[in-house]
């Protein structure tokens, strides 16, 4: 806080991403059109797989005494 000089938010360097972008948008239409590519997973399956992986990682971290988000 600039007025009080107190730290309001402290950034944990473990989770800081200096090159993080605000928005990522993918478009596979060119791969489909030019290469005839087809995805092996639906969007819902991809999200479920990513969530399962994140949850497993959080459980491992918690079991090892690490703070998780």
PDB file of N, CA and C in Angstrom:
ATOM      1  N   UNK A   1       0.852  -1.168   0.000  1.00  0.00           N
ATOM      2  CA  UNK A   1       0.000   0.000   0.000  1.00  0.00           C
ATOM      3  C   UNK A   1       0.899   1.232   0.000  1.00  0.00           C
ATOM      4  N   UNK A   2       0.736   2.075  -0.971  1.00  0.00           N
ATOM      5  CA  UNK A   2       1.596   3.259  -1.087  1.00  0.00           C
ATOM      6  C   UNK A   2       1.409   4.239   0.066  1.00  0.00           C
ATOM      7  N   UNK A   3       0.193   4.336   0.574  1.00  0.00           N
ATOM      8  CA  UNK A   3      -0.077   5.295   1.645  1.00  0.00           C
ATOM      9  C   UNK A   3       0.560   4.865   2.962  1.00  0.00           C
ATOM     10  N   UNK A   4       0.342   3.594   3.344  1.00  0.00           N
ATOM     11  CA  UNK A   4       0.836   3.111   4.635  1.00  0.00           C
ATOM     12  C   UNK A   4       2.237   2.520   4.555  1.00  0.00           C
ATOM     13  N   UNK A   5       2.664   2.135   3.353  1.00  0.00           N
ATOM     14  CA  UNK A   5       3.964   1.494   3.206  1.00  0.00           C
ATOM     15  C   UNK A   5       3.951   0.022   3.569  1.00  0.00           C
ATOM     16  N   UNK A   6       2.771  -0.497   3.896  1.00  0.00           N
ATOM     17  CA  UNK A   6       2.651  -1.908   4.263  1.00  0.00           C
ATOM     18  C   UNK A   6       2.535  -2.780   3.014  1.00  0.00           C
ATOM     19  N   UNK A   7       3.063  -4.006   3.136  1.00  0.00           N
ATOM     20  CA  UNK A   7       2.936  -4.968   2.044  1.00  0.00           C
ATOM     21  C   UNK A   7       1.537  -5.549   2.071  1.00  0.00           C
ATOM     22  N   UNK A   8       0.784  -5.344   1.000  1.00  0.00           N
ATOM     23  CA  UNK A   8      -0.584  -5.846   0.916  1.00  0.00           C
ATOM     24  C   UNK A   8      -0.595  -7.203   0.221  1.00  0.00           C
ATOM     25  N   UNK A   9       0.167  -7.309  -0.843  1.00  0.00           N
ATOM     26  CA  UNK A   9       0.268  -8.559  -1.591  1.00  0.00           C
ATOM     27  C   UNK A   9       1.741  -8.872  -1.768  1.00  0.00           C
ATOM     28  N   UNK A  10       2.120 -10.084  -1.419  1.00  0.00           N
ATOM     29  CA  UNK A  10       3.500 -10.504  -1.591  1.00  0.00           C
ATOM     30  C   UNK A  10       3.524 -11.586  -2.661  1.00  0.00           C
ATOM     31  N   UNK A  11       4.397 -11.447  -3.643  1.00  0.00           N
ATOM     32  CA  UNK A  11       4.492 -12.420  -4.729  1.00  0.00           C
ATOM     33  C   UNK A  11       5.450 -13.528  -4.324  1.00  0.00           C
ATOM     34  N   UNK A  12       4.957 -14.769  -4.373  1.00  0.00           N
ATOM     35  CA  UNK A  12       5.791 -15.928  -4.093  1.00  0.00           C
ATOM     36  C   UNK A  12       6.569 -16.247  -5.368  1.00  0.00           C
ATOM     37  N   UNK A  13       7.894 -16.168  -5.349  1.00  0.00           N
ATOM     38  CA  UNK A  13       8.674 -16.404  -6.566  1.00  0.00           C
ATOM     39  C   UNK A  13       8.462 -17.796  -7.162  1.00  0.00           C
ATOM     40  N   UNK A  14       7.991 -18.735  -6.346  1.00  0.00           N
ATOM     41  CA  UNK A  14       7.708 -20.079  -6.845  1.00  0.00           C
ATOM     42  C   UNK A  14       6.640 -20.048  -7.924  1.00  0.00           C
ATOM     43  N   UNK A  15       5.672 -19.150  -7.776  1.00  0.00           N
ATOM     44  CA  UNK A  15       4.536 -19.112  -8.693  1.00  0.00           C
ATOM     45  C   UNK A  15       4.583 -17.935  -9.671  1.00  0.00           C
ATOM     46  N   UNK A  16       5.635 -17.140  -9.623  1.00  0.00           N
ATOM     47  CA  UNK A  16       5.739 -15.976 -10.503  1.00  0.00           C
ATOM     48  C   UNK A  16       6.143 -16.412 -11.902  1.00  0.00           C
ATOM     49  N   UNK A  17       5.420 -15.936 -12.889  1.00  0.00           N
ATOM     50  CA  UNK A  17       5.723 -16.248 -14.283  1.00  0.00           C
ATOM     51  C   UNK A  17       6.031 -14.933 -15.004  1.00  0.00           C
ATOM     52  N   UNK A  18       7.294 -14.626 -15.185  1.00  0.00           N
ATOM     53  CA  UNK A  18       7.641 -13.331 -15.780  1.00  0.00           C
ATOM     54  C   UNK A  18       7.205 -13.172 -17.231  1.00  0.00           C
ATOM     55  N   UNK A  19       6.953 -14.253 -17.925  1.00  0.00           N
ATOM     56  CA  UNK A  19       6.569 -14.147 -19.337  1.00  0.00           C
ATOM     57  C   UNK A  19       5.129 -14.571 -19.571  1.00  0.00           C
ATOM     58  N   UNK A  20       4.323 -14.563 -18.530  1.00  0.00           N
ATOM     59  CA  UNK A  20       2.913 -14.957 -18.661  1.00  0.00           C
ATOM     60  C   UNK A  20       2.181 -13.987 -19.578  1.00  0.00           C
ATOM     61  N   UNK A  21       1.368 -14.536 -20.453  1.00  0.00           N
ATOM     62  CA  UNK A  21       0.551 -13.696 -21.327  1.00  0.00           C
ATOM     63  C   UNK A  21      -0.876 -13.670 -20.795  1.00  0.00           C
ATOM     64  N   UNK A  22      -1.595 -12.606 -21.100  1.00  0.00           N
ATOM     65  CA  UNK A  22      -2.952 -12.445 -20.587  1.00  0.00           C
ATOM     66  C   UNK A  22      -3.958 -13.364 -21.263  1.00  0.00           C
ATOM     67  N   UNK A  23      -3.754 -13.641 -22.547  1.00  0.00           N
ATOM     68  CA  UNK A  23      -4.753 -14.389 -23.287  1.00  0.00           C
ATOM     69  C   UNK A  23      -4.090 -15.233 -24.362  1.00  0.00           C
ATOM     70  N   UNK A  24      -4.433 -16.501 -24.403  1.00  0.00           N
ATOM     71  CA  UNK A  24      -3.959 -17.401 -25.448  1.00  0.00           C
ATOM     72  C   UNK A  24      -5.169 -17.969 -26.164  1.00  0.00           C
ATOM     73  N   UNK A  25      -5.173 -17.880 -27.469  1.00  0.00           N
ATOM     74  CA  UNK A  25      -6.284 -18.407 -28.254  1.00  0.00           C
ATOM     75  C   UNK A  25      -5.712 -19.303 -29.343  1.00  0.00           C
ATOM     76  N   UNK A  26      -6.185 -20.533 -29.403  1.00  0.00           N
ATOM     77  CA  UNK A  26      -5.734 -21.461 -30.429  1.00  0.00           C
ATOM     78  C   UNK A  26      -6.784 -21.636 -31.514  1.00  0.00           C
ATOM     79  N   UNK A  27      -6.316 -21.914 -32.720  1.00  0.00           N
ATOM     80  CA  UNK A  27      -7.222 -22.147 -33.841  1.00  0.00           C
ATOM     81  C   UNK A  27      -6.635 -23.266 -34.692  1.00  0.00           C
ATOM     82  N   UNK A  28      -7.270 -24.417 -34.675  1.00  0.00           N
ATOM     83  CA  UNK A  28      -6.772 -25.579 -35.408  1.00  0.00           C
ATOM     84  C   UNK A  28      -7.364 -25.690 -36.806  1.00  0.00           C
ATOM     85  N   UNK A  29      -8.087 -24.676 -37.259  1.00  0.00           N
ATOM     86  CA  UNK A  29      -8.769 -24.777 -38.553  1.00  0.00           C
ATOM     87  C   UNK A  29      -7.797 -24.971 -39.714  1.00  0.00           C
ATOM     88  N   UNK A  30      -6.644 -24.322 -39.680  1.00  0.00           N
ATOM     89  CA  UNK A  30      -5.678 -24.479 -40.772  1.00  0.00           C
ATOM     90  C   UNK A  30      -5.132 -25.908 -40.804  1.00  0.00           C
ATOM     91  N   UNK A  31      -4.834 -26.470 -39.646  1.00  0.00           N
ATOM     92  CA  UNK A  31      -4.358 -27.855 -39.590  1.00  0.00           C
ATOM     93  C   UNK A  31      -5.429 -28.806 -40.106  1.00  0.00           C
ATOM     94  N   UNK A  32      -6.682 -28.524 -39.777  1.00  0.00           N
ATOM     95  CA  UNK A  32      -7.790 -29.350 -40.287  1.00  0.00           C
ATOM     96  C   UNK A  32      -7.912 -29.218 -41.800  1.00  0.00           C
ATOM     97  N   UNK A  33      -7.911 -27.973 -42.281  1.00  0.00           N
ATOM     98  CA  UNK A  33      -8.135 -27.712 -43.705  1.00  0.00           C
ATOM     99  C   UNK A  33      -6.972 -28.168 -44.581  1.00  0.00           C
ATOM    100  N   UNK A  34      -5.750 -27.843 -44.174  1.00  0.00           N
ATOM    101  CA  UNK A  34      -4.581 -28.127 -45.008  1.00  0.00           C
ATOM    102  C   UNK A  34      -4.082 -29.556 -44.837  1.00  0.00           C
ATOM    103  N   UNK A  35      -4.061 -30.028 -43.607  1.00  0.00           N
ATOM    104  CA  UNK A  35      -3.474 -31.338 -43.322  1.00  0.00           C
ATOM    105  C   UNK A  35      -4.492 -32.449 -43.126  1.00  0.00           C
ATOM    106  N   UNK A  36      -5.765 -32.083 -43.014  1.00  0.00           N
ATOM    107  CA  UNK A  36      -6.784 -33.091 -42.736  1.00  0.00           C
ATOM    108  C   UNK A  36      -6.712 -33.605 -41.305  1.00  0.00           C
ATOM    109  N   UNK A  37      -6.140 -32.798 -40.416  1.00  0.00           N
ATOM    110  CA  UNK A  37      -5.961 -33.190 -39.023  1.00  0.00           C
ATOM    111  C   UNK A  37      -7.293 -33.224 -38.294  1.00  0.00           C
ATOM    112  N   UNK A  38      -7.424 -34.206 -37.396  1.00  0.00           N
ATOM    113  CA  UNK A  38      -8.607 -34.290 -36.538  1.00  0.00           C
ATOM    114  C   UNK A  38      -8.139 -34.522 -35.108  1.00  0.00           C
ATOM    115  N   UNK A  39      -8.734 -33.830 -34.155  1.00  0.00           N
ATOM    116  CA  UNK A  39      -8.320 -34.031 -32.760  1.00  0.00           C
ATOM    117  C   UNK A  39      -8.706 -35.420 -32.265  1.00  0.00           C
ATOM    118  N   UNK A  40      -7.873 -35.966 -31.384  1.00  0.00           N
ATOM    119  CA  UNK A  40      -8.155 -37.275 -30.790  1.00  0.00           C
ATOM    120  C   UNK A  40      -9.044 -37.145 -29.561  1.00  0.00           C
ATOM    121  N   UNK A  41      -9.076 -35.959 -28.966  1.00  0.00           N
ATOM    122  CA  UNK A  41      -9.872 -35.711 -27.763  1.00  0.00           C
ATOM    123  C   UNK A  41     -10.817 -34.546 -28.020  1.00  0.00           C
ATOM    124  N   UNK A  42     -11.961 -34.605 -27.370  1.00  0.00           N
ATOM    125  CA  UNK A  42     -12.873 -33.459 -27.416  1.00  0.00           C
ATOM    126  C   UNK A  42     -12.355 -32.399 -26.443  1.00  0.00           C
ATOM    127  N   UNK A  43     -12.890 -31.205 -26.545  1.00  0.00           N
ATOM    128  CA  UNK A  43     -12.496 -30.140 -25.626  1.00  0.00           C
ATOM    129  C   UNK A  43     -12.803 -30.539 -24.186  1.00  0.00           C
ATOM    130  N   UNK A  44     -13.974 -31.128 -23.966  1.00  0.00           N
ATOM    131  CA  UNK A  44     -14.362 -31.555 -22.613  1.00  0.00           C
ATOM    132  C   UNK A  44     -13.391 -32.607 -22.077  1.00  0.00           C
ATOM    133  N   UNK A  45     -12.961 -33.531 -22.925  1.00  0.00           N
ATOM    134  CA  UNK A  45     -11.996 -34.550 -22.497  1.00  0.00           C
ATOM    135  C   UNK A  45     -10.653 -33.914 -22.151  1.00  0.00           C
ATOM    136  N   UNK A  46     -10.242 -32.939 -22.939  1.00  0.00           N
ATOM    137  CA  UNK A  46      -8.986 -32.242 -22.683  1.00  0.00           C
ATOM    138  C   UNK A  46      -9.031 -31.519 -21.338  1.00  0.00           C
ATOM    139  N   UNK A  47     -10.130 -30.826 -21.075  1.00  0.00           N
ATOM    140  CA  UNK A  47     -10.276 -30.108 -19.807  1.00  0.00           C
ATOM    141  C   UNK A  47     -10.270 -31.092 -18.639  1.00  0.00           C
ATOM    142  N   UNK A  48     -10.977 -32.209 -18.774  1.00  0.00           N
ATOM    143  CA  UNK A  48     -11.017 -33.219 -17.711  1.00  0.00           C
ATOM    144  C   UNK A  48      -9.622 -33.781 -17.443  1.00  0.00           C
ATOM    145  N   UNK A  49      -8.860 -34.038 -18.496  1.00  0.00           N
ATOM    146  CA  UNK A  49      -7.500 -34.563 -18.344  1.00  0.00           C
ATOM    147  C   UNK A  49      -6.592 -33.543 -17.654  1.00  0.00           C
ATOM    148  N   UNK A  50      -6.715 -32.287 -18.040  1.00  0.00           N
ATOM    149  CA  UNK A  50      -5.903 -31.239 -17.421  1.00  0.00           C
ATOM    150  C   UNK A  50      -6.254 -31.067 -15.944  1.00  0.00           C
ATOM    151  N   UNK A  51      -7.543 -31.097 -15.625  1.00  0.00           N
ATOM    152  CA  UNK A  51      -7.972 -30.949 -14.231  1.00  0.00           C
ATOM    153  C   UNK A  51      -7.496 -32.125 -13.382  1.00  0.00           C
ATOM    154  N   UNK A  52      -7.584 -33.334 -13.927  1.00  0.00           N
ATOM    155  CA  UNK A  52      -7.124 -34.520 -13.199  1.00  0.00           C
ATOM    156  C   UNK A  52      -5.626 -34.419 -12.918  1.00  0.00           C
ATOM    157  N   UNK A  53      -4.870 -33.939 -13.893  1.00  0.00           N
ATOM    158  CA  UNK A  53      -3.429 -33.778 -13.714  1.00  0.00           C
ATOM    159  C   UNK A  53      -3.120 -32.722 -12.656  1.00  0.00           C
ATOM    160  N   UNK A  54      -3.809 -31.588 -12.716  1.00  0.00           N
ATOM    161  CA  UNK A  54      -3.597 -30.528 -11.724  1.00  0.00           C
ATOM    162  C   UNK A  54      -3.965 -30.998 -10.320  1.00  0.00           C
ATOM    163  N   UNK A  55      -5.060 -31.737 -10.206  1.00  0.00           N
ATOM    164  CA  UNK A  55      -5.484 -32.247  -8.902  1.00  0.00           C
ATOM    165  C   UNK A  55      -4.469 -33.240  -8.352  1.00  0.00           C
ATOM    166  N   UNK A  56      -3.964 -34.136  -9.206  1.00  0.00           N
ATOM    167  CA  UNK A  56      -2.959 -35.109  -8.772  1.00  0.00           C
ATOM    168  C   UNK A  56      -1.692 -34.398  -8.300  1.00  0.00           C
ATOM    169  N   UNK A  57      -1.287 -33.357  -9.013  1.00  0.00           N
ATOM    170  CA  UNK A  57      -0.100 -32.598  -8.620  1.00  0.00           C
ATOM    171  C   UNK A  57      -0.323 -31.894  -7.282  1.00  0.00           C
ATOM    172  N   UNK A  58      -1.500 -31.317  -7.086  1.00  0.00           N
ATOM    173  CA  UNK A  58      -1.811 -30.643  -5.822  1.00  0.00           C
ATOM    174  C   UNK A  58      -1.815 -31.636  -4.662  1.00  0.00           C
ATOM    175  N   UNK A  59      -2.337 -32.834  -4.899  1.00  0.00           N
ATOM    176  CA  UNK A  59      -2.349 -33.863  -3.848  1.00  0.00           C
ATOM    177  C   UNK A  59      -0.932 -34.301  -3.502  1.00  0.00           C
ATOM    178  N   UNK A  60      -0.068 -34.461  -4.522  1.00  0.00           N
ATOM    179  CA  UNK A  60       1.332 -34.829  -4.264  1.00  0.00           C
ATOM    180  C   UNK A  60       2.026 -33.736  -3.462  1.00  0.00           C
ATOM    181  N   UNK A  61       1.806 -32.488  -3.862  1.00  0.00           N
ATOM    182  CA  UNK A  61       2.423 -31.378  -3.145  1.00  0.00           C
ATOM    183  C   UNK A  61       1.952 -31.333  -1.695  1.00  0.00           C
ATOM    184  N   UNK A  62       0.655 -31.507  -1.477  1.00  0.00           N
ATOM    185  CA  UNK A  62       0.103 -31.474  -0.118  1.00  0.00           C
ATOM    186  C   UNK A  62       0.673 -32.614   0.720  1.00  0.00           C
ATOM    187  N   UNK A  63       0.819 -33.793   0.113  1.00  0.00           N
ATOM    188  CA  UNK A  63       1.364 -34.946   0.833  1.00  0.00           C
ATOM    189  C   UNK A  63       2.822 -34.713   1.220  1.00  0.00           C
ATOM    190  N   UNK A  64       3.522 -33.882   0.454  1.00  0.00           N
ATOM    191  CA  UNK A  64       4.924 -33.574   0.736  1.00  0.00           C
ATOM    192  C   UNK A  64       5.091 -32.299   1.555  1.00  0.00           C
ATOM    193  N   UNK A  65       3.976 -31.777   2.071  1.00  0.00           N
ATOM    194  CA  UNK A  65       4.029 -30.601   2.922  1.00  0.00           C
ATOM    195  C   UNK A  65       4.169 -29.284   2.185  1.00  0.00           C
ATOM    196  N   UNK A  66       4.005 -29.311   0.875  1.00  0.00           N
ATOM    197  CA  UNK A  66       4.090 -28.072   0.106  1.00  0.00           C
ATOM    198  C   UNK A  66       2.743 -27.380   0.112  1.00  0.00           C
ATOM    199  N   UNK A  67       2.782 -26.064   0.111  1.00  0.00           N
ATOM    200  CA  UNK A  67       1.538 -25.293   0.020  1.00  0.00           C
ATOM    201  C   UNK A  67       1.049 -25.350  -1.412  1.00  0.00           C
ATOM    202  N   UNK A  68      -0.228 -25.592  -1.575  1.00  0.00           N
ATOM    203  CA  UNK A  68      -0.797 -25.653  -2.919  1.00  0.00           C
ATOM    204  C   UNK A  68      -1.889 -24.613  -3.060  1.00  0.00           C
ATOM    205  N   UNK A  69      -2.198 -24.295  -4.287  1.00  0.00           N
ATOM    206  CA  UNK A  69      -3.239 -23.304  -4.560  1.00  0.00           C
ATOM    207  C   UNK A  69      -4.518 -24.031  -4.869  1.00  0.00           C
TER     208      UNK A  69
END
